[in-house]
Amino acid sequence: MEKSNSNFKTLHFEVYISVAPKIVFDNIISKSGFEAWTYPFSKTSKFEGKWEEGETLRFISLDENDQQVGMLAKLKSLKTSKEIIIEYVGYIKNGKDIYDDEQAKSIHHTMEKYFLTTENNGTRLKIESDVAPEHEKLFNECWPQSLSIIKKMSESNEV
């Protein structure tokens, strides 16, 4: 696996959820679940693509001009109910996928990792997220909110 971009800091978050890993996993990758738990990051978050290893996912939001912006990610590993590993490979600006300019190159090899383990008849969800210094404050605010949403959805069996 590629090494994370050294200009970025890896943030760590975790939560215990009192349901089986499969329920948590499904909430992370389902369309409605994704839109709900990514809401703290952007009120218009959605994804395009297939949750299959090797596929490219488009994580999209709308900017203040209703233009698509977001991130392009390669799904490096997908093990049902166990892990999701995403490598960022570019970004989206004004609806266009950009892979090779300086901004895109600056995020190459940045990772977002989700690990689910069985613990006390429930699930321990651990997140590792590579973040640029200028986004660290935002991520430190949004990730705990997102984990709280995943926990609530999963424990109430909402998918």
N, C-alpha and C. Protein backbone atom coordinates (compact mmCIF):
# COMPACT_ATOMS: atom_id res chain seq x y z
N MET A 1 0.84 -1.17 0.00
CA MET A 1 0.00 0.00 0.00
C MET A 1 0.89 1.24 0.00
N GLU A 2 0.45 2.28 -0.69
CA GLU A 2 1.21 3.52 -0.79
C GLU A 2 1.32 4.19 0.57
N LYS A 3 2.41 4.91 0.74
CA LYS A 3 2.62 5.66 1.97
C LYS A 3 1.81 6.95 1.90
N SER A 4 1.27 7.37 3.06
CA SER A 4 0.50 8.60 3.12
C SER A 4 1.39 9.80 2.81
N ASN A 5 0.79 10.86 2.30
CA ASN A 5 1.47 12.10 2.00
C ASN A 5 2.04 12.69 3.29
N SER A 6 3.35 12.95 3.31
CA SER A 6 4.02 13.39 4.54
C SER A 6 3.67 14.82 4.94
N ASN A 7 3.09 15.61 4.05
CA ASN A 7 2.69 16.97 4.40
C ASN A 7 1.40 16.99 5.22
N PHE A 8 0.76 15.88 5.31
CA PHE A 8 -0.53 15.79 5.98
C PHE A 8 -0.36 15.12 7.34
N LYS A 9 -1.24 15.46 8.26
CA LYS A 9 -1.26 14.85 9.58
C LYS A 9 -2.36 13.79 9.59
N THR A 10 -2.09 12.65 10.24
CA THR A 10 -3.11 11.61 10.36
C THR A 10 -3.85 11.80 11.67
N LEU A 11 -5.15 12.04 11.57
CA LEU A 11 -6.01 12.19 12.74
C LEU A 11 -6.67 10.84 13.03
N HIS A 12 -6.92 10.58 14.31
CA HIS A 12 -7.51 9.31 14.73
C HIS A 12 -8.79 9.58 15.53
N PHE A 13 -9.82 8.82 15.21
CA PHE A 13 -11.10 8.94 15.91
C PHE A 13 -11.66 7.53 16.10
N GLU A 14 -12.45 7.34 17.14
CA GLU A 14 -13.08 6.04 17.32
C GLU A 14 -14.34 6.17 18.15
N VAL A 15 -15.20 5.15 17.99
CA VAL A 15 -16.45 5.10 18.74
C VAL A 15 -16.85 3.64 18.92
N TYR A 16 -17.49 3.34 20.04
CA TYR A 16 -18.08 2.02 20.26
C TYR A 16 -19.55 2.11 19.89
N ILE A 17 -20.02 1.12 19.12
CA ILE A 17 -21.41 1.08 18.67
C ILE A 17 -21.96 -0.30 19.04
N SER A 18 -23.09 -0.32 19.71
CA SER A 18 -23.59 -1.59 20.29
C SER A 18 -24.41 -2.44 19.33
N VAL A 19 -23.94 -2.55 18.09
CA VAL A 19 -24.55 -3.44 17.10
C VAL A 19 -23.43 -4.13 16.33
N ALA A 20 -23.79 -5.13 15.54
CA ALA A 20 -22.82 -5.90 14.76
C ALA A 20 -22.13 -5.03 13.70
N PRO A 21 -20.86 -5.37 13.38
CA PRO A 21 -20.12 -4.60 12.38
C PRO A 21 -20.84 -4.45 11.04
N LYS A 22 -21.59 -5.46 10.61
CA LYS A 22 -22.27 -5.39 9.31
C LYS A 22 -23.25 -4.22 9.25
N ILE A 23 -23.96 -3.96 10.34
CA ILE A 23 -24.91 -2.83 10.37
C ILE A 23 -24.17 -1.51 10.25
N VAL A 24 -23.07 -1.38 10.99
CA VAL A 24 -22.27 -0.15 10.93
C VAL A 24 -21.69 0.03 9.53
N PHE A 25 -21.12 -1.03 8.99
CA PHE A 25 -20.52 -1.00 7.65
C PHE A 25 -21.55 -0.54 6.61
N ASP A 26 -22.73 -1.14 6.66
CA ASP A 26 -23.78 -0.79 5.70
C ASP A 26 -24.19 0.68 5.83
N ASN A 27 -24.21 1.21 7.05
CA ASN A 27 -24.56 2.61 7.24
C ASN A 27 -23.49 3.54 6.69
N ILE A 28 -22.24 3.12 6.73
CA ILE A 28 -21.16 3.96 6.20
C ILE A 28 -21.26 4.07 4.68
N ILE A 29 -21.54 2.98 4.00
CA ILE A 29 -21.47 2.98 2.53
C ILE A 29 -22.81 3.10 1.81
N SER A 30 -23.93 3.00 2.53
CA SER A 30 -25.23 3.15 1.84
C SER A 30 -25.42 4.61 1.44
N LYS A 31 -26.20 4.83 0.40
CA LYS A 31 -26.43 6.20 -0.08
C LYS A 31 -27.02 7.08 1.02
N SER A 32 -28.10 6.64 1.64
CA SER A 32 -28.75 7.46 2.67
C SER A 32 -27.88 7.60 3.91
N GLY A 33 -27.18 6.52 4.28
CA GLY A 33 -26.29 6.58 5.43
C GLY A 33 -25.15 7.55 5.20
N PHE A 34 -24.52 7.46 4.03
CA PHE A 34 -23.40 8.34 3.70
C PHE A 34 -23.83 9.81 3.75
N GLU A 35 -24.97 10.12 3.14
CA GLU A 35 -25.44 11.51 3.14
C GLU A 35 -25.70 12.01 4.56
N ALA A 36 -26.18 11.12 5.43
CA ALA A 36 -26.46 11.51 6.82
C ALA A 36 -25.18 11.74 7.61
N TRP A 37 -24.25 10.77 7.57
CA TRP A 37 -23.07 10.91 8.44
C TRP A 37 -22.05 11.90 7.93
N THR A 38 -22.08 12.24 6.64
CA THR A 38 -21.15 13.26 6.13
C THR A 38 -21.73 14.67 6.21
N TYR A 39 -22.96 14.79 6.68
CA TYR A 39 -23.62 16.10 6.81
C TYR A 39 -22.78 17.11 7.59
N PRO A 40 -22.12 16.75 8.69
CA PRO A 40 -21.30 17.75 9.39
C PRO A 40 -20.19 18.34 8.51
N PHE A 41 -19.70 17.58 7.54
CA PHE A 41 -18.67 18.09 6.63
C PHE A 41 -19.27 18.97 5.54
N SER A 42 -20.44 18.59 5.05
CA SER A 42 -21.13 19.37 4.02
C SER A 42 -22.60 18.94 3.99
N LYS A 43 -23.47 19.92 3.97
CA LYS A 43 -24.91 19.65 3.97
C LYS A 43 -25.39 19.01 2.67
N THR A 44 -24.56 19.05 1.62
CA THR A 44 -24.96 18.50 0.32
C THR A 44 -24.11 17.30 -0.10
N SER A 45 -23.46 16.65 0.86
CA SER A 45 -22.59 15.51 0.55
C SER A 45 -23.35 14.35 -0.08
N LYS A 46 -22.70 13.77 -1.08
CA LYS A 46 -23.18 12.53 -1.68
C LYS A 46 -21.99 11.86 -2.35
N PHE A 47 -22.18 10.66 -2.85
CA PHE A 47 -21.11 10.00 -3.58
C PHE A 47 -21.66 9.45 -4.88
N GLU A 48 -20.74 9.28 -5.83
CA GLU A 48 -21.04 8.59 -7.09
C GLU A 48 -19.98 7.52 -7.26
N GLY A 49 -20.39 6.37 -7.72
CA GLY A 49 -19.47 5.27 -7.94
C GLY A 49 -19.90 4.03 -7.18
N LYS A 50 -19.13 2.98 -7.36
CA LYS A 50 -19.43 1.70 -6.72
C LYS A 50 -18.43 1.44 -5.61
N TRP A 51 -18.94 0.95 -4.48
CA TRP A 51 -18.08 0.57 -3.36
C TRP A 51 -17.50 -0.81 -3.66
N GLU A 52 -16.52 -0.83 -4.57
CA GLU A 52 -15.82 -2.06 -4.95
C GLU A 52 -14.34 -1.73 -5.06
N GLU A 53 -13.49 -2.66 -4.57
CA GLU A 53 -12.05 -2.44 -4.63
C GLU A 53 -11.61 -2.07 -6.04
N GLY A 54 -10.74 -1.05 -6.12
CA GLY A 54 -10.21 -0.60 -7.40
C GLY A 54 -11.04 0.46 -8.07
N GLU A 55 -12.26 0.65 -7.63
CA GLU A 55 -13.14 1.65 -8.23
C GLU A 55 -12.77 3.06 -7.75
N THR A 56 -13.10 4.05 -8.57
CA THR A 56 -12.94 5.44 -8.18
C THR A 56 -14.29 5.97 -7.72
N LEU A 57 -14.30 6.57 -6.56
CA LEU A 57 -15.50 7.19 -6.01
C LEU A 57 -15.38 8.70 -6.13
N ARG A 58 -16.49 9.34 -6.42
CA ARG A 58 -16.56 10.81 -6.44
C ARG A 58 -17.36 11.23 -5.21
N PHE A 59 -16.69 11.94 -4.28
CA PHE A 59 -17.36 12.49 -3.11
C PHE A 59 -17.67 13.94 -3.43
N ILE A 60 -18.96 14.25 -3.52
CA ILE A 60 -19.41 15.51 -4.11
C ILE A 60 -20.24 16.33 -3.13
N SER A 61 -20.05 17.64 -3.21
CA SER A 61 -20.90 18.62 -2.54
C SER A 61 -21.15 19.74 -3.54
N LEU A 62 -22.05 20.62 -3.19
CA LEU A 62 -22.29 21.80 -4.00
C LEU A 62 -21.69 23.01 -3.31
N ASP A 63 -21.02 23.87 -4.09
CA ASP A 63 -20.47 25.09 -3.50
C ASP A 63 -21.56 26.17 -3.48
N GLU A 64 -21.18 27.38 -3.08
CA GLU A 64 -22.15 28.47 -2.95
C GLU A 64 -22.79 28.87 -4.28
N ASN A 65 -22.18 28.45 -5.40
CA ASN A 65 -22.74 28.72 -6.74
C ASN A 65 -23.43 27.50 -7.33
N ASP A 66 -23.73 26.50 -6.47
CA ASP A 66 -24.35 25.25 -6.89
C ASP A 66 -23.52 24.48 -7.91
N GLN A 67 -22.20 24.65 -7.86
CA GLN A 67 -21.28 23.89 -8.70
C GLN A 67 -20.76 22.71 -7.89
N GLN A 68 -20.57 21.57 -8.57
CA GLN A 68 -20.02 20.39 -7.89
C GLN A 68 -18.56 20.61 -7.53
N VAL A 69 -18.25 20.32 -6.27
CA VAL A 69 -16.88 20.32 -5.77
C VAL A 69 -16.70 19.04 -4.97
N GLY A 70 -15.48 18.63 -4.75
CA GLY A 70 -15.29 17.44 -3.93
C GLY A 70 -13.97 16.77 -4.17
N MET A 71 -13.95 15.48 -3.84
CA MET A 71 -12.73 14.69 -3.88
C MET A 71 -12.92 13.44 -4.73
N LEU A 72 -11.83 13.01 -5.34
CA LEU A 72 -11.79 11.77 -6.11
C LEU A 72 -10.95 10.77 -5.33
N ALA A 73 -11.48 9.59 -5.15
CA ALA A 73 -10.80 8.61 -4.31
C ALA A 73 -10.82 7.23 -4.95
N LYS A 74 -9.71 6.54 -4.83
CA LYS A 74 -9.60 5.14 -5.27
C LYS A 74 -9.87 4.26 -4.06
N LEU A 75 -10.75 3.30 -4.22
CA LEU A 75 -11.06 2.37 -3.14
C LEU A 75 -9.99 1.27 -3.14
N LYS A 76 -9.03 1.41 -2.21
CA LYS A 76 -7.88 0.51 -2.14
C LYS A 76 -8.22 -0.83 -1.51
N SER A 77 -9.09 -0.80 -0.50
CA SER A 77 -9.46 -2.05 0.18
C SER A 77 -10.89 -1.93 0.68
N LEU A 78 -11.64 -2.98 0.47
CA LEU A 78 -13.01 -3.05 0.96
C LEU A 78 -13.25 -4.47 1.44
N LYS A 79 -13.25 -4.63 2.76
CA LYS A 79 -13.51 -5.94 3.36
C LYS A 79 -14.79 -5.80 4.17
N THR A 80 -15.86 -6.40 3.67
CA THR A 80 -17.18 -6.25 4.28
C THR A 80 -17.12 -6.45 5.79
N SER A 81 -17.66 -5.47 6.49
CA SER A 81 -17.77 -5.47 7.95
C SER A 81 -16.43 -5.38 8.67
N LYS A 82 -15.33 -5.14 7.94
CA LYS A 82 -14.00 -5.11 8.57
C LYS A 82 -13.21 -3.84 8.28
N GLU A 83 -13.11 -3.44 6.99
CA GLU A 83 -12.30 -2.26 6.69
C GLU A 83 -12.69 -1.64 5.36
N ILE A 84 -12.42 -0.33 5.30
CA ILE A 84 -12.54 0.46 4.08
C ILE A 84 -11.28 1.33 4.05
N ILE A 85 -10.52 1.25 2.95
CA ILE A 85 -9.34 2.09 2.81
C ILE A 85 -9.45 2.84 1.48
N ILE A 86 -9.40 4.15 1.61
CA ILE A 86 -9.58 5.05 0.48
C ILE A 86 -8.31 5.86 0.30
N GLU A 87 -7.86 5.98 -0.96
CA GLU A 87 -6.72 6.84 -1.28
C GLU A 87 -7.21 7.97 -2.17
N TYR A 88 -6.96 9.19 -1.76
CA TYR A 88 -7.38 10.34 -2.56
C TYR A 88 -6.43 10.54 -3.73
N VAL A 89 -7.00 10.76 -4.92
CA VAL A 89 -6.21 10.84 -6.14
C VAL A 89 -6.46 12.12 -6.94
N GLY A 90 -7.38 12.93 -6.48
CA GLY A 90 -7.69 14.16 -7.19
C GLY A 90 -8.85 14.88 -6.53
N TYR A 91 -9.35 15.91 -7.21
CA TYR A 91 -10.46 16.67 -6.67
C TYR A 91 -11.42 17.07 -7.78
N ILE A 92 -12.55 17.59 -7.38
CA ILE A 92 -13.59 18.02 -8.31
C ILE A 92 -13.80 19.51 -8.12
N LYS A 93 -13.77 20.25 -9.22
CA LYS A 93 -14.02 21.69 -9.18
C LYS A 93 -14.92 22.03 -10.36
N ASN A 94 -15.99 22.75 -10.09
CA ASN A 94 -16.97 23.11 -11.12
C ASN A 94 -17.43 21.89 -11.91
N GLY A 95 -17.58 20.77 -11.21
CA GLY A 95 -18.07 19.55 -11.82
C GLY A 95 -17.05 18.75 -12.61
N LYS A 96 -15.81 19.25 -12.70
CA LYS A 96 -14.78 18.57 -13.49
C LYS A 96 -13.81 17.81 -12.58
N ASP A 97 -13.45 16.59 -13.00
CA ASP A 97 -12.49 15.77 -12.28
C ASP A 97 -11.08 16.23 -12.63
N ILE A 98 -10.28 16.54 -11.61
CA ILE A 98 -8.92 17.04 -11.82
C ILE A 98 -7.95 16.13 -11.08
N TYR A 99 -7.02 15.54 -11.84
CA TYR A 99 -6.08 14.58 -11.29
C TYR A 99 -4.63 15.07 -11.26
N ASP A 100 -4.26 16.00 -12.14
CA ASP A 100 -2.84 16.22 -12.37
C ASP A 100 -2.30 17.63 -12.15
N ASP A 101 -3.08 18.56 -11.67
CA ASP A 101 -2.50 19.87 -11.39
C ASP A 101 -1.82 19.84 -10.01
N GLU A 102 -1.23 20.95 -9.59
CA GLU A 102 -0.47 20.97 -8.33
C GLU A 102 -1.35 20.64 -7.12
N GLN A 103 -2.57 21.17 -7.10
CA GLN A 103 -3.45 20.88 -5.97
C GLN A 103 -3.77 19.38 -5.91
N ALA A 104 -4.06 18.79 -7.06
CA ALA A 104 -4.35 17.34 -7.10
C ALA A 104 -3.14 16.54 -6.65
N LYS A 105 -1.97 16.91 -7.15
CA LYS A 105 -0.75 16.19 -6.78
C LYS A 105 -0.47 16.32 -5.28
N SER A 106 -0.88 17.42 -4.68
CA SER A 106 -0.61 17.62 -3.25
C SER A 106 -1.41 16.66 -2.37
N ILE A 107 -2.51 16.13 -2.90
CA ILE A 107 -3.31 15.19 -2.09
C ILE A 107 -3.09 13.73 -2.47
N HIS A 108 -2.31 13.49 -3.53
CA HIS A 108 -2.04 12.10 -3.92
C HIS A 108 -1.47 11.34 -2.73
N HIS A 109 -1.93 10.15 -2.53
CA HIS A 109 -1.50 9.23 -1.47
C HIS A 109 -2.02 9.61 -0.09
N THR A 110 -2.91 10.60 0.00
CA THR A 110 -3.55 10.82 1.30
C THR A 110 -4.63 9.76 1.46
N MET A 111 -4.82 9.33 2.69
CA MET A 111 -5.67 8.17 2.94
C MET A 111 -6.77 8.49 3.95
N GLU A 112 -7.83 7.71 3.83
CA GLU A 112 -8.88 7.69 4.85
C GLU A 112 -9.17 6.21 5.08
N LYS A 113 -9.07 5.80 6.36
CA LYS A 113 -9.19 4.38 6.68
C LYS A 113 -10.25 4.19 7.75
N TYR A 114 -11.05 3.15 7.56
CA TYR A 114 -12.11 2.77 8.50
C TYR A 114 -11.85 1.33 8.92
N PHE A 115 -11.75 1.09 10.21
CA PHE A 115 -11.54 -0.26 10.72
C PHE A 115 -12.67 -0.60 11.67
N LEU A 116 -13.31 -1.74 11.44
CA LEU A 116 -14.40 -2.20 12.29
C LEU A 116 -13.99 -3.51 12.94
N THR A 117 -14.08 -3.57 14.26
CA THR A 117 -13.75 -4.80 14.98
C THR A 117 -14.88 -5.11 15.95
N THR A 118 -15.09 -6.41 16.17
CA THR A 118 -16.10 -6.84 17.12
C THR A 118 -15.55 -6.63 18.53
N GLU A 119 -16.38 -6.03 19.39
CA GLU A 119 -15.98 -5.77 20.77
C GLU A 119 -17.22 -5.80 21.66
N ASN A 120 -17.23 -6.65 22.67
CA ASN A 120 -18.34 -6.72 23.63
C ASN A 120 -19.70 -6.80 22.94
N ASN A 121 -19.85 -7.71 21.98
CA ASN A 121 -21.11 -7.89 21.22
C ASN A 121 -21.50 -6.66 20.42
N GLY A 122 -20.57 -5.77 20.18
CA GLY A 122 -20.82 -4.59 19.37
C GLY A 122 -19.65 -4.37 18.43
N THR A 123 -19.44 -3.11 18.06
CA THR A 123 -18.42 -2.76 17.07
C THR A 123 -17.59 -1.59 17.57
N ARG A 124 -16.29 -1.72 17.42
CA ARG A 124 -15.38 -0.58 17.62
C ARG A 124 -15.05 -0.08 16.22
N LEU A 125 -15.44 1.16 15.92
CA LEU A 125 -15.14 1.79 14.64
C LEU A 125 -14.00 2.77 14.87
N LYS A 126 -12.89 2.56 14.14
CA LYS A 126 -11.74 3.44 14.22
C LYS A 126 -11.51 4.09 12.86
N ILE A 127 -11.26 5.38 12.90
CA ILE A 127 -11.02 6.16 11.68
C ILE A 127 -9.61 6.72 11.72
N GLU A 128 -8.90 6.63 10.60
CA GLU A 128 -7.63 7.33 10.41
C GLU A 128 -7.81 8.20 9.18
N SER A 129 -7.59 9.49 9.33
CA SER A 129 -7.86 10.43 8.24
C SER A 129 -6.69 11.39 8.06
N ASP A 130 -6.05 11.35 6.87
CA ASP A 130 -4.97 12.27 6.56
C ASP A 130 -5.57 13.64 6.23
N VAL A 131 -5.03 14.66 6.89
CA VAL A 131 -5.62 16.00 6.78
C VAL A 131 -4.52 17.04 6.59
N ALA A 132 -4.76 17.97 5.67
CA ALA A 132 -3.86 19.11 5.50
C ALA A 132 -3.97 20.01 6.74
N PRO A 133 -2.89 20.65 7.12
CA PRO A 133 -2.90 21.49 8.33
C PRO A 133 -4.04 22.51 8.35
N GLU A 134 -4.36 23.08 7.21
CA GLU A 134 -5.41 24.11 7.17
C GLU A 134 -6.81 23.55 7.38
N HIS A 135 -6.98 22.21 7.32
CA HIS A 135 -8.28 21.59 7.53
C HIS A 135 -8.38 20.82 8.85
N GLU A 136 -7.30 20.81 9.63
CA GLU A 136 -7.27 20.02 10.85
C GLU A 136 -8.38 20.42 11.83
N LYS A 137 -8.58 21.71 12.04
CA LYS A 137 -9.61 22.18 12.98
C LYS A 137 -11.00 21.69 12.54
N LEU A 138 -11.29 21.85 11.25
CA LEU A 138 -12.59 21.41 10.72
C LEU A 138 -12.79 19.91 10.95
N PHE A 139 -11.79 19.12 10.63
CA PHE A 139 -11.92 17.66 10.77
C PHE A 139 -12.05 17.27 12.24
N ASN A 140 -11.33 17.95 13.12
CA ASN A 140 -11.45 17.65 14.54
C ASN A 140 -12.84 18.01 15.09
N GLU A 141 -13.54 18.93 14.44
CA GLU A 141 -14.91 19.26 14.82
C GLU A 141 -15.92 18.33 14.18
N CYS A 142 -15.71 18.01 12.90
CA CYS A 142 -16.71 17.25 12.14
C CYS A 142 -16.68 15.75 12.39
N TRP A 143 -15.49 15.15 12.52
CA TRP A 143 -15.43 13.70 12.69
C TRP A 143 -16.20 13.20 13.91
N PRO A 144 -16.04 13.83 15.09
CA PRO A 144 -16.83 13.35 16.23
C PRO A 144 -18.34 13.43 15.99
N GLN A 145 -18.79 14.49 15.30
CA GLN A 145 -20.21 14.61 14.97
C GLN A 145 -20.63 13.49 14.02
N SER A 146 -19.80 13.21 13.03
CA SER A 146 -20.11 12.14 12.07
C SER A 146 -20.17 10.78 12.74
N LEU A 147 -19.24 10.51 13.65
CA LEU A 147 -19.25 9.23 14.36
C LEU A 147 -20.50 9.11 15.23
N SER A 148 -20.93 10.21 15.81
CA SER A 148 -22.15 10.21 16.61
C SER A 148 -23.37 9.86 15.74
N ILE A 149 -23.40 10.37 14.53
CA ILE A 149 -24.50 10.08 13.59
C ILE A 149 -24.46 8.60 13.18
N ILE A 150 -23.27 8.09 12.86
CA ILE A 150 -23.15 6.67 12.51
C ILE A 150 -23.64 5.81 13.66
N LYS A 151 -23.24 6.14 14.88
CA LYS A 151 -23.65 5.39 16.07
C LYS A 151 -25.17 5.41 16.22
N LYS A 152 -25.76 6.59 16.13
CA LYS A 152 -27.21 6.73 16.30
C LYS A 152 -27.96 5.96 15.21
N MET A 153 -27.56 6.11 13.95
CA MET A 153 -28.21 5.39 12.86
C MET A 153 -28.12 3.89 13.05
N SER A 154 -26.93 3.43 13.40
CA SER A 154 -26.68 2.00 13.52
C SER A 154 -27.46 1.40 14.69
N GLU A 155 -27.45 2.07 15.82
CA GLU A 155 -28.12 1.54 17.01
C GLU A 155 -29.64 1.62 16.90
N SER A 156 -30.13 2.48 16.01
CA SER A 156 -31.57 2.54 15.78
C SER A 156 -31.96 1.76 14.52
N ASN A 157 -31.00 1.03 13.95
CA ASN A 157 -31.18 0.20 12.75
C ASN A 157 -31.67 0.98 11.54
N GLU A 158 -31.23 2.23 11.43
CA GLU A 158 -31.56 3.03 10.24
C GLU A 158 -30.45 2.80 9.22
N VAL A 159 -30.85 2.50 7.99
CA VAL A 159 -29.89 2.40 6.88
C VAL A 159 -30.46 3.16 5.71
